[in-house]
Amino acid sequence: MAHASRQDEAGAVRDVEMEIACVAVESVARVIAAAPLGAGVRTEGFLARKGKSSRQLVLHVTGLEFTQESEQAQDTQGDRDASTQQRT
């Protein structure tokens, strides 16, 4: 999953971009599998280590909601609401 947003930090605007591996099971996994690439989504879940001794994090998605924004719309939008806007 990829994330891009514009955040305010200590009075300055900061562009944030990142990618994170995700895990989903059962009905959430089926919804994600059917989603078009680049669809805008809002996710719920938790972060956990990839493995017992790993330092890498994986987002375990427990809830998913499609947003009106697509990848193309997010790329051209000025200020983005940040904390939870994701792209599959």
C-alpha atoms as a PDB file:
ATOM      1  CA  MET A   1       0.000   0.000   0.000  1.00  0.00           C
ATOM      2  CA  ALA A   2       1.247   3.501  -0.804  1.00  0.00           C
ATOM      3  CA  HIS A   3       0.532   6.713   1.073  1.00  0.00           C
ATOM      4  CA  ALA A   4       1.097  10.317   0.003  1.00  0.00           C
ATOM      5  CA  SER A   5       0.048  13.425   1.887  1.00  0.00           C
ATOM      6  CA  ARG A   6       1.032  16.917   2.906  1.00  0.00           C
ATOM      7  CA  GLN A   7       1.441  17.370   6.676  1.00  0.00           C
ATOM      8  CA  ASP A   8       2.029  20.349   8.953  1.00  0.00           C
ATOM      9  CA  GLU A   9       4.969  19.838  11.287  1.00  0.00           C
ATOM     10  CA  ALA A  10       6.261  22.565  13.605  1.00  0.00           C
ATOM     11  CA  GLY A  11       4.739  25.257  11.384  1.00  0.00           C
ATOM     12  CA  ALA A  12       6.230  23.890   8.157  1.00  0.00           C
ATOM     13  CA  VAL A  13       4.557  21.856   5.427  1.00  0.00           C
ATOM     14  CA  ARG A  14       6.099  18.461   4.794  1.00  0.00           C
ATOM     15  CA  ASP A  15       5.361  16.138   1.865  1.00  0.00           C
ATOM     16  CA  VAL A  16       5.064  12.555   3.086  1.00  0.00           C
ATOM     17  CA  GLU A  17       5.298   9.523   0.808  1.00  0.00           C
ATOM     18  CA  MET A  18       5.719   5.903   1.872  1.00  0.00           C
ATOM     19  CA  GLU A  19       4.897   2.324   1.038  1.00  0.00           C
ATOM     20  CA  ILE A  20       4.085  -0.398   3.533  1.00  0.00           C
ATOM     21  CA  ALA A  21       3.398  -4.096   3.244  1.00  0.00           C
ATOM     22  CA  CYS A  22      -0.127  -5.118   4.266  1.00  0.00           C
ATOM     23  CA  VAL A  23      -1.837  -8.272   5.443  1.00  0.00           C
ATOM     24  CA  ALA A  24      -5.593  -8.864   5.286  1.00  0.00           C
ATOM     25  CA  VAL A  25      -7.679 -11.968   5.875  1.00  0.00           C
ATOM     26  CA  GLU A  26     -11.147 -13.251   5.058  1.00  0.00           C
ATOM     27  CA  SER A  27     -13.682 -10.689   3.830  1.00  0.00           C
ATOM     28  CA  VAL A  28     -11.238  -7.754   3.950  1.00  0.00           C
ATOM     29  CA  ALA A  29      -8.802  -9.689   1.755  1.00  0.00           C
ATOM     30  CA  ARG A  30     -11.552 -10.411  -0.792  1.00  0.00           C
ATOM     31  CA  VAL A  31     -12.511  -6.720  -0.950  1.00  0.00           C
ATOM     32  CA  ILE A  32      -8.887  -5.683  -1.455  1.00  0.00           C
ATOM     33  CA  ALA A  33      -8.364  -8.334  -4.149  1.00  0.00           C
ATOM     34  CA  ALA A  34     -11.350  -6.980  -6.099  1.00  0.00           C
ATOM     35  CA  ALA A  35     -10.281  -3.312  -5.800  1.00  0.00           C
ATOM     36  CA  PRO A  36      -8.836  -1.617  -8.873  1.00  0.00           C
ATOM     37  CA  LEU A  37      -5.170  -0.680  -8.653  1.00  0.00           C
ATOM     38  CA  GLY A  38      -4.820   2.922  -7.484  1.00  0.00           C
ATOM     39  CA  ALA A  39      -8.205   3.063  -5.747  1.00  0.00           C
ATOM     40  CA  GLY A  40      -8.353   5.470  -2.821  1.00  0.00           C
ATOM     41  CA  VAL A  41      -9.038   3.752   0.491  1.00  0.00           C
ATOM     42  CA  ARG A  42      -9.195   4.529   4.182  1.00  0.00           C
ATOM     43  CA  THR A  43      -7.911   1.674   6.308  1.00  0.00           C
ATOM     44  CA  GLU A  44      -8.172   0.519   9.902  1.00  0.00           C
ATOM     45  CA  GLY A  45      -5.810  -1.929  11.476  1.00  0.00           C
ATOM     46  CA  PHE A  46      -2.656  -2.328  13.464  1.00  0.00           C
ATOM     47  CA  LEU A  47       1.090  -2.452  12.932  1.00  0.00           C
ATOM     48  CA  ALA A  48       3.057  -5.545  13.889  1.00  0.00           C
ATOM     49  CA  ARG A  49       6.487  -6.946  13.181  1.00  0.00           C
ATOM     50  CA  LYS A  50       6.791  -8.930   9.961  1.00  0.00           C
ATOM     51  CA  GLY A  51       8.188 -11.816  11.969  1.00  0.00           C
ATOM     52  CA  LYS A  52       9.160 -12.563  15.537  1.00  0.00           C
ATOM     53  CA  SER A  53      12.709 -11.240  15.159  1.00  0.00           C
ATOM     54  CA  SER A  54      12.086  -8.809  12.278  1.00  0.00           C
ATOM     55  CA  ARG A  55      12.435  -5.042  12.568  1.00  0.00           C
ATOM     56  CA  GLN A  56      10.151  -4.492   9.540  1.00  0.00           C
ATOM     57  CA  LEU A  57       6.533  -3.500  10.126  1.00  0.00           C
ATOM     58  CA  VAL A  58       3.440  -4.815   8.364  1.00  0.00           C
ATOM     59  CA  LEU A  59       0.006  -3.172   8.437  1.00  0.00           C
ATOM     60  CA  HIS A  60      -2.668  -5.725   9.365  1.00  0.00           C
ATOM     61  CA  VAL A  61      -5.810  -4.341   7.725  1.00  0.00           C
ATOM     62  CA  THR A  62      -8.962  -5.055   9.736  1.00  0.00           C
ATOM     63  CA  GLY A  63     -11.257  -2.553   8.030  1.00  0.00           C
ATOM     64  CA  LEU A  64     -11.406  -0.863   4.651  1.00  0.00           C
ATOM     65  CA  GLU A  65     -13.491   1.940   3.164  1.00  0.00           C
ATOM     66  CA  PHE A  66     -13.217   3.196  -0.399  1.00  0.00           C
ATOM     67  CA  THR A  67     -12.866   6.962  -0.816  1.00  0.00           C
ATOM     68  CA  GLN A  68     -13.844   9.157  -3.752  1.00  0.00           C
ATOM     69  CA  GLU A  69     -10.220   9.885  -4.566  1.00  0.00           C
ATOM     70  CA  SER A  70      -8.281   7.816  -7.032  1.00  0.00           C
ATOM     71  CA  GLU A  71      -4.511   7.710  -7.403  1.00  0.00           C
ATOM     72  CA  GLN A  72      -4.701  10.194 -10.274  1.00  0.00           C
ATOM     73  CA  ALA A  73      -6.850  12.635  -8.281  1.00  0.00           C
ATOM     74  CA  GLN A  74      -4.545  12.425  -5.270  1.00  0.00           C
ATOM     75  CA  ASP A  75      -1.507  13.160  -7.428  1.00  0.00           C
ATOM     76  CA  THR A  76      -3.051  16.426  -8.664  1.00  0.00           C
ATOM     77  CA  GLN A  77      -4.712  17.557  -5.425  1.00  0.00           C
ATOM     78  CA  GLY A  78      -3.038  20.379  -3.473  1.00  0.00           C
ATOM     79  CA  ASP A  79      -3.378  19.815   0.271  1.00  0.00           C
ATOM     80  CA  ARG A  80      -4.359  16.312   1.223  1.00  0.00           C
ATOM     81  CA  ASP A  81      -5.978  15.099   4.383  1.00  0.00           C
ATOM     82  CA  ALA A  82      -3.309  13.078   5.644  1.00  0.00           C
ATOM     83  CA  SER A  83      -3.314  10.646   8.382  1.00  0.00           C
ATOM     84  CA  THR A  84      -5.341   7.870   6.819  1.00  0.00           C
ATOM     85  CA  GLN A  85      -5.558   8.368   3.071  1.00  0.00           C
ATOM     86  CA  GLN A  86      -4.036   5.287   1.433  1.00  0.00           C
ATOM     87  CA  ARG A  87      -3.793   3.823  -2.026  1.00  0.00           C
ATOM     88  CA  THR A  88      -3.821   0.112  -2.735  1.00  0.00           C
END
